[in-house]
Amino acid sequence: MTRYGHALAAGCRQVYRASALPATRALRAIGDFLNSMGTARVCVFAASLLWAVGGARAAIYEIQPATVDTDEELENIANRLQPGDELVLHGGLYSQNGRRAVTARGTADRPITIRAADGQAPLLTRPDDNIDRHNNIEFVDCSHLIVRGLHFKGGSSGVRFIRGDHITFENCEIYGTGNNALTMNSGDCDSFIIRGNHIHHTGLSTRGATEGEGMYIGCHNGSCRTTDTLVEGNYIHHLRSTSDGGNDGIEIKVGSYGNIVRDNVIYDTNIGRKYPGIFVYGGGPGPNIVEGNVIWRAGEGIQVVSDAVIRNNIIFDCEVTGITAAPHVAVSRMRNVAIVNNTIVQCRLGVRIRWANATHMVFSNNAVYCPDSTAIDAGGIAGASFHANYVSGGLSGAESDDLRFLDGGTAAQAFVGADKNDFWPAAGSKLIDAAEPAFAPECDFNGAPRQGPFDVGAYESNGRQANPGWRIQTTRKNLTRPPAGDPSHNSRGNP
C-alpha cells in the first residue's frame, strides 16, 4: 500500500471514531485530518462518506480558490449537493471563463448551504473581457438553499436566479457588473430572503447601452412573478445605466406581490440615468410593503403604481421626485395604495400624485419639506383619503386646508438637524402628536412601537429629544425587526 493509501486508511479509522462524536466535533475531526493531508485544492471529505448523525445523512465539502477555463470545482461540487449538505469556500479568487450555473435542492428541514469559511472572503469572478458574455453565477431551479458571505465581482448580471423557492441570499457582495447586480426575472420565484447584502457599482459595460439595476425582481410583462419575498437590510449604491432599462435600486415588476422591502439603504441610483431608488408596480392579487428604507440621490426616491403600502421611509436630495404615485403603461389599474408616515426633504419635487380613476388610495401623515420647489403636485385626488400631511414648499393641484395639507413650518423648526440628515422631530416641531391615528403604522423607521398621540413622518419621538436608533449614514441600516408577517408590522387602516 502506498504512503497515501496508508494515510487514507488511517483517516478512515479517524472518521469511524469521529462518527461517534457529536456532529460538530465529528466534522471538525474529519476536517482536521484532511487538512493535515495537505490537500491544496479541495477537501471533499464526505463525497464518498454518508454518515449518520441523528438519523440524517449530510456532507460538508471545503474547497480552495482556483482559476480555470471551464469545469470549475465549485460548480461541479455545488451541483452534487444533497439535502443537508454544506459547501464551504475558503478565501481567495475563484475564476472561470464559461457559464457558472448551480442547481441545488434541499428540503425544509434540511436546506443546502453554500457559504464562506468563517472569517474569510471568497471572491467569485471571471476575466474582465468576459463581462458581457456570461453572468457571474446562475442559480437554476434551486429550493431550500442558503447562500451566505460570498463576494461576486463582474459578469453581465452578477447573480441570476432562474426560478426557485425558499432561498436565503445573505451577507454577500455583488459589484463591478456589466449590467445589473441581482435578477429574478427568468421564471417564478417564491419565498426568498435577500438580506444584508452589499450591492454597488453596476452597469459598467461599455459595448453598448446597458442597465444597472441593483435588484430586478419579476418579469417586465408579468409573465413571471416573485411572491412572498423579504428584501431586507441591503446596502445599495452607485448604480449606472445608459439605457431606458434604468438603474433602479430595487425594482419589483408588475404582478409580483406579497413582498416586503424594508430597512434598505439606497443612494446614487443616478449615474448615467436617473431612476428610482425603489419601484413597485403592483397589479397582483395582494400588496407589496415598502417600509423603513432610506433613499437619497436617486431619480425618484420611490415610485409606486398600485397595490402597495409605502410607510416610514426617509427620502431626501432626489433629482426627480421624492415619491411618484402615478399610472404606468404596464399596470392596468391603480388601486389599493397607502402612502403614510414618510419623511421627504429637499427633493426637486416632493410628491407627484396622479390618481384619476384610482380606487382605495390613501396619503396621510407625511412630512414633505421642499421649501425651494413644489412640495405637492397632485391631480385626480378627489376620491382619495388625505389627512395630516405637513408641508413646506409649493402646492399644485392641492391647497393648505388645515386638514389634508397643513403648514409644516421650516425644516429647521421641524427637525433636529435637517442639514445633517437628522430628521428626528425637534422640540416644538409641528410634526409631534399631529398624525391622523387611523393611518399611523404600529412601528416607526427605527422599528420602535408608535404610541399615541402619533407623530407625522417616519419617526415617532414619544417624548424623546434625540434619535435613539440608527443614524443615516453610508452603511447598512443596523436594525433587527420581528420576523416578516409578525402582527406588529400591520398598519391601522392600510390595505
Protein backbone atom coordinates (compact mmCIF):
# COMPACT_ATOMS: atom_id res chain seq x y z
CA MET A 1 0.00 0.00 0.00
CA THR A 2 1.30 3.48 -0.88
CA ARG A 3 2.05 6.08 1.76
CA TYR A 4 -1.09 7.92 0.65
CA GLY A 5 -3.08 4.69 0.93
CA HIS A 6 -1.83 4.09 4.46
CA ALA A 7 -2.69 7.65 5.37
CA LEU A 8 -6.17 7.32 3.86
CA ALA A 9 -6.78 4.10 5.77
CA ALA A 10 -5.70 5.84 8.96
CA GLY A 11 -8.01 8.66 8.08
CA CYS A 12 -10.90 6.25 7.61
CA ARG A 13 -10.28 4.91 11.09
CA GLN A 14 -10.26 8.52 12.35
CA VAL A 15 -13.54 9.15 10.52
CA TYR A 16 -15.00 5.99 12.03
CA ARG A 17 -14.05 7.15 15.51
CA ALA A 18 -15.38 10.64 14.75
CA SER A 19 -18.76 9.25 13.78
CA ALA A 20 -19.43 8.50 17.43
CA LEU A 21 -18.85 12.12 18.43
CA PRO A 22 -21.40 14.92 18.39
CA ALA A 23 -21.87 16.33 14.91
CA THR A 24 -19.77 19.47 15.25
CA ARG A 25 -16.86 17.65 16.87
CA ALA A 26 -17.05 14.86 14.31
CA LEU A 27 -16.92 17.26 11.39
CA ARG A 28 -14.01 19.11 12.98
CA ALA A 29 -12.10 15.86 13.45
CA ILE A 30 -12.64 14.84 9.84
CA GLY A 31 -11.69 18.28 8.58
CA ASP A 32 -8.53 18.32 10.71
CA PHE A 33 -7.43 15.01 9.21
CA LEU A 34 -8.00 16.01 5.62
CA ASN A 35 -6.36 19.38 6.08
CA SER A 36 -3.35 17.57 7.52
CA MET A 37 -3.16 15.61 4.25
CA GLY A 38 -2.14 18.85 2.52
CA THR A 39 -4.99 18.84 0.03
CA ALA A 40 -4.12 22.01 -1.83
CA ARG A 41 -7.32 22.41 -3.84
CA VAL A 42 -10.22 20.67 -2.17
CA CYS A 43 -11.17 18.84 0.99
CA VAL A 44 -14.17 16.81 -0.07
CA PHE A 45 -14.39 14.65 2.95
CA ALA A 46 -17.93 13.47 2.60
CA ALA A 47 -18.21 12.83 -1.12
CA SER A 48 -17.93 9.10 -0.62
CA LEU A 49 -18.83 9.10 3.07
CA LEU A 50 -22.51 9.29 4.06
CA TRP A 51 -22.54 9.12 7.79
CA ALA A 52 -25.47 9.18 10.16
CA VAL A 53 -25.85 11.83 12.79
CA GLY A 54 -29.24 11.69 14.44
CA GLY A 55 -30.52 9.56 11.58
CA ALA A 56 -29.79 12.15 8.86
CA ARG A 57 -27.16 11.91 6.15
CA ALA A 58 -25.12 15.03 5.47
CA ALA A 59 -21.83 16.04 3.92
CA ILE A 60 -19.54 19.02 4.27
CA TYR A 61 -17.27 19.99 1.38
CA GLU A 62 -14.47 22.53 1.68
CA ILE A 63 -12.82 23.99 -1.39
CA GLN A 64 -9.91 26.32 -2.07
CA PRO A 65 -9.57 29.08 -4.71
CA ALA A 66 -8.91 28.15 -8.32
CA THR A 67 -8.66 29.77 -11.75
CA VAL A 68 -9.84 27.57 -14.61
CA ASP A 69 -11.16 27.88 -18.14
CA THR A 70 -14.27 25.74 -17.56
CA ASP A 71 -15.30 22.76 -15.43
CA GLU A 72 -14.88 24.61 -12.17
CA GLU A 73 -14.68 22.61 -8.95
CA LEU A 74 -17.08 24.95 -7.22
CA GLU A 75 -19.72 24.38 -9.87
CA ASN A 76 -19.19 20.63 -10.03
CA ILE A 77 -19.50 20.10 -6.30
CA ALA A 78 -22.37 22.54 -5.84
CA ASN A 79 -24.43 20.61 -8.39
CA ARG A 80 -23.93 17.36 -6.47
CA LEU A 81 -25.09 18.67 -3.11
CA GLN A 82 -27.87 16.75 -1.41
CA PRO A 83 -30.33 17.91 1.26
CA GLY A 84 -28.46 18.89 4.40
CA ASP A 85 -25.09 19.23 2.65
CA GLU A 86 -22.83 22.23 3.06
CA LEU A 87 -20.22 23.68 0.71
CA VAL A 88 -17.62 25.93 2.37
CA LEU A 89 -15.45 28.25 0.26
CA HIS A 90 -12.11 29.38 1.62
CA GLY A 91 -10.87 32.91 0.93
CA GLY A 92 -9.32 33.85 -2.39
CA LEU A 93 -10.14 34.11 -6.09
CA TYR A 94 -12.47 31.68 -7.89
CA SER A 95 -12.45 32.48 -11.62
CA GLN A 96 -13.69 30.71 -14.71
CA ASN A 97 -14.44 31.64 -18.32
CA GLY A 98 -17.55 29.59 -19.08
CA ARG A 99 -21.05 29.66 -17.71
CA ARG A 100 -21.25 29.03 -13.96
CA ALA A 101 -24.64 27.51 -13.08
CA VAL A 102 -25.80 25.76 -9.91
CA THR A 103 -28.88 23.66 -9.19
CA ALA A 104 -29.21 22.75 -5.52
CA ARG A 105 -32.40 21.39 -3.96
CA GLY A 106 -32.63 20.97 -0.22
CA THR A 107 -35.71 20.40 1.88
CA ALA A 108 -37.48 22.49 4.51
CA ASP A 109 -35.87 20.59 7.38
CA ARG A 110 -32.53 20.00 5.62
CA PRO A 111 -31.57 23.01 3.50
CA ILE A 112 -28.39 23.10 1.45
CA THR A 113 -25.83 25.74 2.44
CA ILE A 114 -23.13 27.35 0.27
CA ARG A 115 -21.10 29.76 2.35
CA ALA A 116 -17.79 31.45 3.05
CA ALA A 117 -15.43 29.87 5.54
CA ASP A 118 -15.59 31.67 8.85
CA GLY A 119 -13.73 34.98 8.72
CA GLN A 120 -12.77 34.59 5.05
CA ALA A 121 -13.81 36.36 1.83
CA PRO A 122 -14.08 34.11 -1.23
CA LEU A 123 -14.40 36.14 -4.45
CA LEU A 124 -16.21 34.64 -7.44
CA THR A 125 -15.25 36.42 -10.63
CA ARG A 126 -14.31 35.98 -14.28
CA PRO A 127 -11.86 37.65 -16.68
CA ASP A 128 -12.57 41.31 -17.47
CA ASP A 129 -13.12 40.57 -21.17
CA ASN A 130 -15.93 38.21 -20.09
CA ILE A 131 -18.10 40.94 -18.59
CA ASP A 132 -20.70 40.89 -21.40
CA ARG A 133 -20.54 37.20 -22.27
CA HIS A 134 -21.74 35.40 -19.15
CA ASN A 135 -23.40 36.18 -15.86
CA ASN A 136 -21.16 35.71 -12.85
CA ILE A 137 -23.35 32.90 -11.48
CA GLU A 138 -26.81 31.47 -12.13
CA PHE A 139 -28.89 29.56 -9.59
CA VAL A 140 -31.29 27.40 -11.59
CA ASP A 141 -34.40 25.75 -10.10
CA CYS A 142 -32.97 25.83 -6.59
CA SER A 143 -35.02 25.16 -3.49
CA HIS A 144 -34.34 25.44 0.24
CA LEU A 145 -30.88 26.86 -0.37
CA ILE A 146 -28.81 29.22 1.78
CA VAL A 147 -26.03 31.31 0.17
CA ARG A 148 -24.02 33.31 2.68
CA GLY A 149 -20.96 35.52 2.82
CA LEU A 150 -19.75 35.23 -0.78
CA HIS A 151 -18.40 38.04 -2.97
CA PHE A 152 -19.30 38.29 -6.67
CA LYS A 153 -17.36 40.60 -8.96
CA GLY A 154 -18.06 41.02 -12.67
CA GLY A 155 -20.23 39.18 -15.13
CA SER A 156 -23.06 40.66 -17.15
CA SER A 157 -25.53 40.12 -14.33
CA GLY A 158 -23.87 39.35 -11.04
CA VAL A 159 -26.27 36.79 -9.56
CA ARG A 160 -29.22 35.47 -11.55
CA PHE A 161 -31.94 33.32 -10.03
CA ILE A 162 -33.74 31.28 -12.68
CA ARG A 163 -36.89 30.17 -10.91
CA GLY A 164 -36.64 28.89 -7.34
CA ASP A 165 -38.24 28.89 -3.93
CA HIS A 166 -37.25 29.17 -0.27
CA ILE A 167 -33.81 30.62 -0.95
CA THR A 168 -31.87 32.76 1.52
CA PHE A 169 -29.19 35.00 -0.02
CA GLU A 170 -27.48 36.97 2.73
CA ASN A 171 -24.39 38.93 3.68
CA CYS A 172 -22.98 38.73 0.16
CA GLU A 173 -21.42 41.39 -2.05
CA ILE A 174 -22.17 41.96 -5.75
CA TYR A 175 -20.28 44.61 -7.70
CA GLY A 176 -18.43 45.50 -10.87
CA THR A 177 -21.12 44.08 -13.17
CA GLY A 178 -21.58 44.91 -16.83
CA ASN A 179 -25.35 45.08 -16.37
CA ASN A 180 -27.48 44.61 -13.26
CA ALA A 181 -26.48 43.01 -9.97
CA LEU A 182 -29.20 40.56 -8.84
CA THR A 183 -32.01 39.37 -11.09
CA MET A 184 -35.11 37.26 -10.54
CA ASN A 185 -36.72 37.69 -13.96
CA SER A 186 -36.33 34.25 -15.53
CA GLY A 187 -39.31 32.40 -14.05
CA ASP A 188 -41.41 32.42 -10.90
CA CYS A 189 -39.64 32.86 -7.56
CA ASP A 190 -41.27 32.36 -4.18
CA SER A 191 -40.34 32.80 -0.52
CA PHE A 192 -36.84 34.26 -0.89
CA ILE A 193 -34.95 36.13 1.82
CA ILE A 194 -32.48 38.65 0.38
CA ARG A 195 -30.83 40.16 3.42
CA GLY A 196 -27.81 42.21 4.41
CA ASN A 197 -26.11 42.29 1.00
CA HIS A 198 -23.81 44.98 -0.36
CA ILE A 199 -24.58 45.85 -4.00
CA HIS A 200 -22.67 48.58 -5.78
CA HIS A 201 -21.02 49.85 -8.98
CA THR A 202 -23.20 48.21 -11.60
CA GLY A 203 -23.76 48.89 -15.32
CA LEU A 204 -20.09 49.10 -16.24
CA SER A 205 -20.37 47.63 -19.75
CA THR A 206 -19.08 49.93 -22.49
CA ARG A 207 -20.05 47.84 -25.53
CA GLY A 208 -23.45 49.49 -25.85
CA ALA A 209 -26.44 50.70 -23.86
CA THR A 210 -26.62 48.91 -20.53
CA GLU A 211 -28.84 48.63 -17.47
CA GLY A 212 -27.60 48.64 -13.91
CA GLU A 213 -30.41 47.78 -11.50
CA GLY A 214 -29.43 46.68 -8.02
CA MET A 215 -32.26 44.14 -7.92
CA TYR A 216 -34.57 43.30 -10.83
CA ILE A 217 -37.43 41.25 -9.36
CA GLY A 218 -40.16 39.74 -11.55
CA CYS A 219 -40.69 39.92 -15.30
CA HIS A 220 -41.35 43.22 -17.06
CA ASN A 221 -44.56 42.00 -18.69
CA GLY A 222 -45.76 40.00 -15.69
CA SER A 223 -45.04 36.65 -17.33
CA CYS A 224 -43.13 35.62 -14.21
CA ARG A 225 -43.75 36.71 -10.63
CA THR A 226 -41.91 36.92 -7.37
CA THR A 227 -44.08 36.32 -4.31
CA ASP A 228 -43.78 36.34 -0.51
CA THR A 229 -40.16 37.51 -0.57
CA LEU A 230 -38.33 39.59 2.04
CA VAL A 231 -35.76 42.14 0.78
CA GLU A 232 -34.22 43.48 3.95
CA GLY A 233 -31.26 45.42 5.24
CA ASN A 234 -29.35 45.65 1.96
CA TYR A 235 -26.84 48.40 1.18
CA ILE A 236 -27.13 49.55 -2.46
CA HIS A 237 -25.29 52.41 -4.16
CA HIS A 238 -23.54 53.74 -7.27
CA LEU A 239 -25.73 52.17 -9.94
CA ARG A 240 -25.07 53.18 -13.54
CA SER A 241 -27.23 52.88 -16.63
CA THR A 242 -27.10 54.20 -20.17
CA SER A 243 -30.39 52.70 -21.38
CA ASP A 244 -34.13 53.09 -20.80
CA GLY A 245 -33.93 49.91 -18.72
CA GLY A 246 -32.56 52.04 -15.94
CA ASN A 247 -30.61 51.76 -12.73
CA ASP A 248 -33.31 51.33 -10.08
CA GLY A 249 -32.08 50.28 -6.67
CA ILE A 250 -34.82 47.68 -6.16
CA GLU A 251 -37.46 47.12 -8.84
CA ILE A 252 -40.44 44.81 -8.27
CA LYS A 253 -42.21 44.26 -11.54
CA VAL A 254 -45.88 44.02 -12.44
CA GLY A 255 -47.85 41.14 -10.92
CA SER A 256 -45.35 40.33 -8.18
CA TYR A 257 -46.98 40.55 -4.75
CA GLY A 258 -46.74 39.72 -1.07
CA ASN A 259 -43.18 41.06 -0.94
CA ILE A 260 -41.66 43.18 1.85
CA VAL A 261 -38.91 45.70 1.04
CA ARG A 262 -37.63 47.15 4.29
CA ASP A 263 -34.67 48.77 6.02
CA ASN A 264 -32.56 49.11 2.88
CA VAL A 265 -30.03 51.94 2.39
CA ILE A 266 -30.05 53.15 -1.23
CA TYR A 267 -28.26 56.09 -2.83
CA ASP A 268 -26.64 57.25 -6.07
CA THR A 269 -29.01 55.47 -8.46
CA ASN A 270 -28.44 58.43 -10.75
CA ILE A 271 -25.24 57.65 -12.68
CA GLY A 272 -25.86 58.00 -16.42
CA ARG A 273 -29.64 57.78 -16.00
CA LYS A 274 -31.79 58.81 -13.04
CA TYR A 275 -34.10 56.03 -11.90
CA PRO A 276 -35.99 55.29 -8.67
CA GLY A 277 -34.38 54.02 -5.52
CA ILE A 278 -37.37 51.65 -5.20
CA PHE A 279 -40.04 50.99 -7.82
CA VAL A 280 -43.07 48.78 -7.12
CA TYR A 281 -45.56 48.26 -9.91
CA GLY A 282 -48.30 46.19 -8.25
CA GLY A 283 -51.05 44.56 -10.28
CA GLY A 284 -51.01 41.31 -8.35
CA PRO A 285 -53.69 39.84 -6.04
CA GLY A 286 -52.01 41.25 -2.91
CA PRO A 287 -49.94 44.25 -1.84
CA ASN A 288 -46.21 44.80 -1.55
CA ILE A 289 -44.92 46.61 1.55
CA VAL A 290 -42.12 49.19 1.35
CA GLU A 291 -41.07 50.40 4.78
CA GLY A 292 -38.20 51.83 6.77
CA ASN A 293 -35.92 52.46 3.80
CA VAL A 294 -33.67 55.49 3.42
CA ILE A 295 -33.00 56.80 -0.09
CA TRP A 296 -31.06 59.76 -1.42
CA ARG A 297 -29.52 60.97 -4.68
CA ALA A 298 -31.89 58.90 -6.79
CA GLY A 299 -34.13 59.95 -9.66
CA GLU A 300 -37.40 59.26 -7.87
CA GLY A 301 -36.93 58.12 -4.30
CA ILE A 302 -39.88 55.73 -4.54
CA GLN A 303 -42.19 55.15 -7.49
CA VAL A 304 -45.44 53.28 -6.90
CA VAL A 305 -48.36 52.48 -9.15
CA SER A 306 -50.72 50.04 -7.46
CA ASP A 307 -51.23 47.54 -4.62
CA ALA A 308 -48.67 48.80 -2.12
CA VAL A 309 -48.12 50.16 1.36
CA ILE A 310 -45.37 52.81 1.46
CA ARG A 311 -44.62 53.74 5.08
CA ASN A 312 -41.92 55.05 7.39
CA ASN A 313 -39.43 55.78 4.60
CA ILE A 314 -36.96 58.69 4.62
CA ILE A 315 -36.17 60.26 1.24
CA PHE A 316 -34.01 63.31 0.56
CA ASP A 317 -31.94 65.04 -2.13
CA CYS A 318 -33.60 63.23 -5.05
CA GLU A 319 -33.35 64.72 -8.53
CA VAL A 320 -36.81 63.94 -9.94
CA THR A 321 -39.26 63.41 -7.04
CA GLY A 322 -39.32 62.12 -3.53
CA ILE A 323 -42.33 59.89 -4.30
CA THR A 324 -44.12 59.42 -7.61
CA ALA A 325 -47.55 57.79 -7.41
CA ALA A 326 -48.91 57.73 -10.94
CA PRO A 327 -50.07 55.43 -13.77
CA HIS A 328 -47.71 53.20 -15.73
CA VAL A 329 -48.36 51.52 -19.05
CA ALA A 330 -47.54 48.10 -17.55
CA VAL A 331 -50.30 48.25 -14.90
CA SER A 332 -53.93 48.34 -15.95
CA ARG A 333 -55.46 49.67 -12.70
CA MET A 334 -54.35 51.96 -9.90
CA ARG A 335 -55.78 50.70 -6.64
CA ASN A 336 -55.03 49.94 -3.00
CA VAL A 337 -52.12 52.27 -2.29
CA ALA A 338 -51.38 53.71 1.16
CA ILE A 339 -48.56 56.25 1.46
CA VAL A 340 -48.26 57.02 5.15
CA ASN A 341 -45.77 58.48 7.62
CA ASN A 342 -42.93 59.14 5.20
CA THR A 343 -40.39 61.96 5.54
CA ILE A 344 -39.39 63.70 2.29
CA VAL A 345 -36.88 66.53 2.35
CA GLN A 346 -35.17 68.78 -0.20
CA CYS A 347 -36.15 66.98 -3.41
CA ARG A 348 -36.64 68.76 -6.74
CA LEU A 349 -40.33 67.84 -6.46
CA GLY A 350 -41.60 66.42 -3.19
CA VAL A 351 -44.52 64.21 -4.24
CA ARG A 352 -46.19 63.76 -7.61
CA ILE A 353 -49.67 62.17 -7.49
CA ARG A 354 -51.89 61.28 -10.45
CA TRP A 355 -54.84 59.29 -9.11
CA ALA A 356 -57.66 59.89 -11.57
CA ASN A 357 -59.82 56.73 -11.78
CA ALA A 358 -57.82 55.10 -8.95
CA THR A 359 -59.59 53.36 -6.04
CA HIS A 360 -58.76 52.93 -2.35
CA MET A 361 -55.87 55.39 -2.21
CA VAL A 362 -54.51 56.96 1.00
CA PHE A 363 -51.94 59.74 1.51
CA SER A 364 -51.65 60.62 5.18
CA ASN A 365 -49.24 61.66 7.94
CA ASN A 366 -46.41 62.52 5.57
CA ALA A 367 -43.81 65.23 6.21
CA VAL A 368 -42.86 66.90 2.90
CA TYR A 369 -40.25 69.67 3.18
CA CYS A 370 -39.11 71.03 -0.19
CA PRO A 371 -39.17 74.78 0.51
CA ASP A 372 -37.29 75.80 -2.64
CA SER A 373 -39.57 73.89 -5.02
CA THR A 374 -43.01 72.28 -5.27
CA ALA A 375 -43.74 70.02 -2.32
CA ILE A 376 -47.01 68.52 -3.67
CA ASP A 377 -48.04 68.25 -7.33
CA ALA A 378 -51.40 66.46 -7.31
CA GLY A 379 -54.06 65.50 -9.82
CA GLY A 380 -57.17 63.32 -9.64
CA ILE A 381 -57.23 63.28 -5.85
CA ALA A 382 -60.89 63.98 -5.17
CA GLY A 383 -61.75 60.37 -4.38
CA ALA A 384 -58.69 59.60 -2.25
CA SER A 385 -58.11 59.93 1.50
CA PHE A 386 -55.74 62.71 2.56
CA HIS A 387 -55.08 63.52 6.20
CA ALA A 388 -52.48 65.40 8.26
CA ASN A 389 -49.77 65.94 5.69
CA TYR A 390 -47.38 68.67 6.84
CA VAL A 391 -45.78 70.60 4.01
CA SER A 392 -43.11 73.20 3.35
CA GLY A 393 -42.97 74.31 -0.29
CA GLY A 394 -45.36 74.93 -3.14
CA LEU A 395 -48.69 73.20 -3.71
CA SER A 396 -50.09 72.40 -7.16
CA GLY A 397 -53.49 70.74 -7.51
CA ALA A 398 -53.94 70.91 -3.74
CA GLU A 399 -54.21 73.63 -1.11
CA SER A 400 -53.41 74.13 2.54
CA ASP A 401 -56.70 73.50 4.36
CA ASP A 402 -55.69 72.60 7.93
CA LEU A 403 -56.99 69.08 7.37
CA ARG A 404 -55.41 67.36 4.39
CA PHE A 405 -52.39 69.63 3.89
CA LEU A 406 -51.01 71.82 6.65
CA ASP A 407 -48.19 74.31 7.02
CA GLY A 408 -45.22 72.42 8.43
CA GLY A 409 -43.06 75.46 9.18
CA THR A 410 -39.40 75.32 8.18
CA ALA A 411 -37.18 72.26 8.11
CA ALA A 412 -35.03 73.85 10.81
CA GLN A 413 -38.10 74.08 13.05
CA ALA A 414 -39.38 70.61 12.18
CA PHE A 415 -36.21 68.51 12.52
CA VAL A 416 -33.26 68.26 14.90
CA GLY A 417 -30.73 68.69 12.08
CA ALA A 418 -32.07 68.54 8.52
CA ASP A 419 -28.75 69.93 7.22
CA LYS A 420 -27.02 66.88 8.77
CA ASN A 421 -29.62 64.36 7.60
CA ASP A 422 -31.06 64.08 11.09
CA PHE A 423 -34.82 64.15 10.56
CA TRP A 424 -35.84 63.41 14.15
CA PRO A 425 -38.68 65.75 15.21
CA ALA A 426 -37.25 68.76 17.05
CA ALA A 427 -38.70 70.05 20.30
CA GLY A 428 -41.76 72.10 19.39
CA SER A 429 -41.99 70.59 15.90
CA LYS A 430 -45.41 70.76 14.28
CA LEU A 431 -45.00 67.07 13.44
CA ILE A 432 -45.26 65.92 17.06
CA ASP A 433 -48.62 64.44 18.09
CA ALA A 434 -50.18 65.67 14.83
CA ALA A 435 -50.86 62.45 12.87
CA GLU A 436 -54.23 61.00 11.96
CA PRO A 437 -54.42 57.91 14.25
CA ALA A 438 -56.43 55.80 11.83
CA PHE A 439 -53.49 55.60 9.43
CA ALA A 440 -50.48 55.52 11.77
CA PRO A 441 -48.37 52.35 11.45
CA GLU A 442 -47.68 50.29 14.56
CA CYS A 443 -43.91 50.92 14.32
CA ASP A 444 -41.66 53.70 13.03
CA PHE A 445 -38.46 53.92 10.96
CA ASN A 446 -36.46 52.55 13.89
CA GLY A 447 -38.82 49.62 14.31
CA ALA A 448 -39.96 51.14 17.63
CA PRO A 449 -43.64 50.96 18.61
CA ARG A 450 -45.65 54.12 17.99
CA GLN A 451 -47.60 55.36 20.97
CA GLY A 452 -50.48 57.77 20.64
CA PRO A 453 -50.87 60.60 20.10
CA PHE A 454 -48.84 59.85 16.99
CA ASP A 455 -46.22 61.91 15.13
CA VAL A 456 -46.24 62.82 11.44
CA GLY A 457 -43.33 61.46 9.39
CA ALA A 458 -41.10 58.41 9.63
CA TYR A 459 -40.09 58.75 13.29
CA GLU A 460 -42.15 58.50 16.47
CA SER A 461 -40.47 60.66 19.11
CA ASN A 462 -42.53 59.50 22.12
CA GLY A 463 -41.21 62.47 24.09
CA ARG A 464 -37.52 61.86 23.31
CA GLN A 465 -35.37 64.80 22.23
CA ALA A 466 -32.89 62.79 20.12
CA ASN A 467 -32.92 59.75 17.87
CA PRO A 468 -32.11 56.65 19.95
CA GLY A 469 -31.75 54.46 16.89
CA TRP A 470 -29.59 54.08 13.81
CA ARG A 471 -28.35 57.33 12.25
CA ILE A 472 -28.46 57.86 8.48
CA GLN A 473 -25.04 57.09 7.02
CA THR A 474 -23.34 55.20 4.18
CA THR A 475 -23.55 51.77 5.78
CA ARG A 476 -26.15 49.09 6.26
CA LYS A 477 -29.02 50.07 8.50
CA ASN A 478 -28.45 48.49 11.87
CA LEU A 479 -31.88 47.22 12.86
CA THR A 480 -33.39 43.88 13.82
CA ARG A 481 -37.13 43.62 13.33
CA PRO A 482 -39.55 40.87 14.30
CA PRO A 483 -39.94 38.22 11.59
CA ALA A 484 -41.83 39.17 8.46
CA GLY A 485 -45.53 38.63 8.97
CA ASP A 486 -45.39 39.50 12.68
CA PRO A 487 -48.61 41.31 13.62
CA SER A 488 -46.61 44.29 14.87
CA HIS A 489 -46.00 45.25 11.25
CA ASN A 490 -49.64 45.65 10.33
CA SER A 491 -50.89 49.21 9.76
CA ARG A 492 -54.13 50.61 11.02
CA GLY A 493 -56.41 51.37 8.12
CA ASN A 494 -53.95 50.38 5.39
CA PRO A 495 -54.80 47.92 2.61
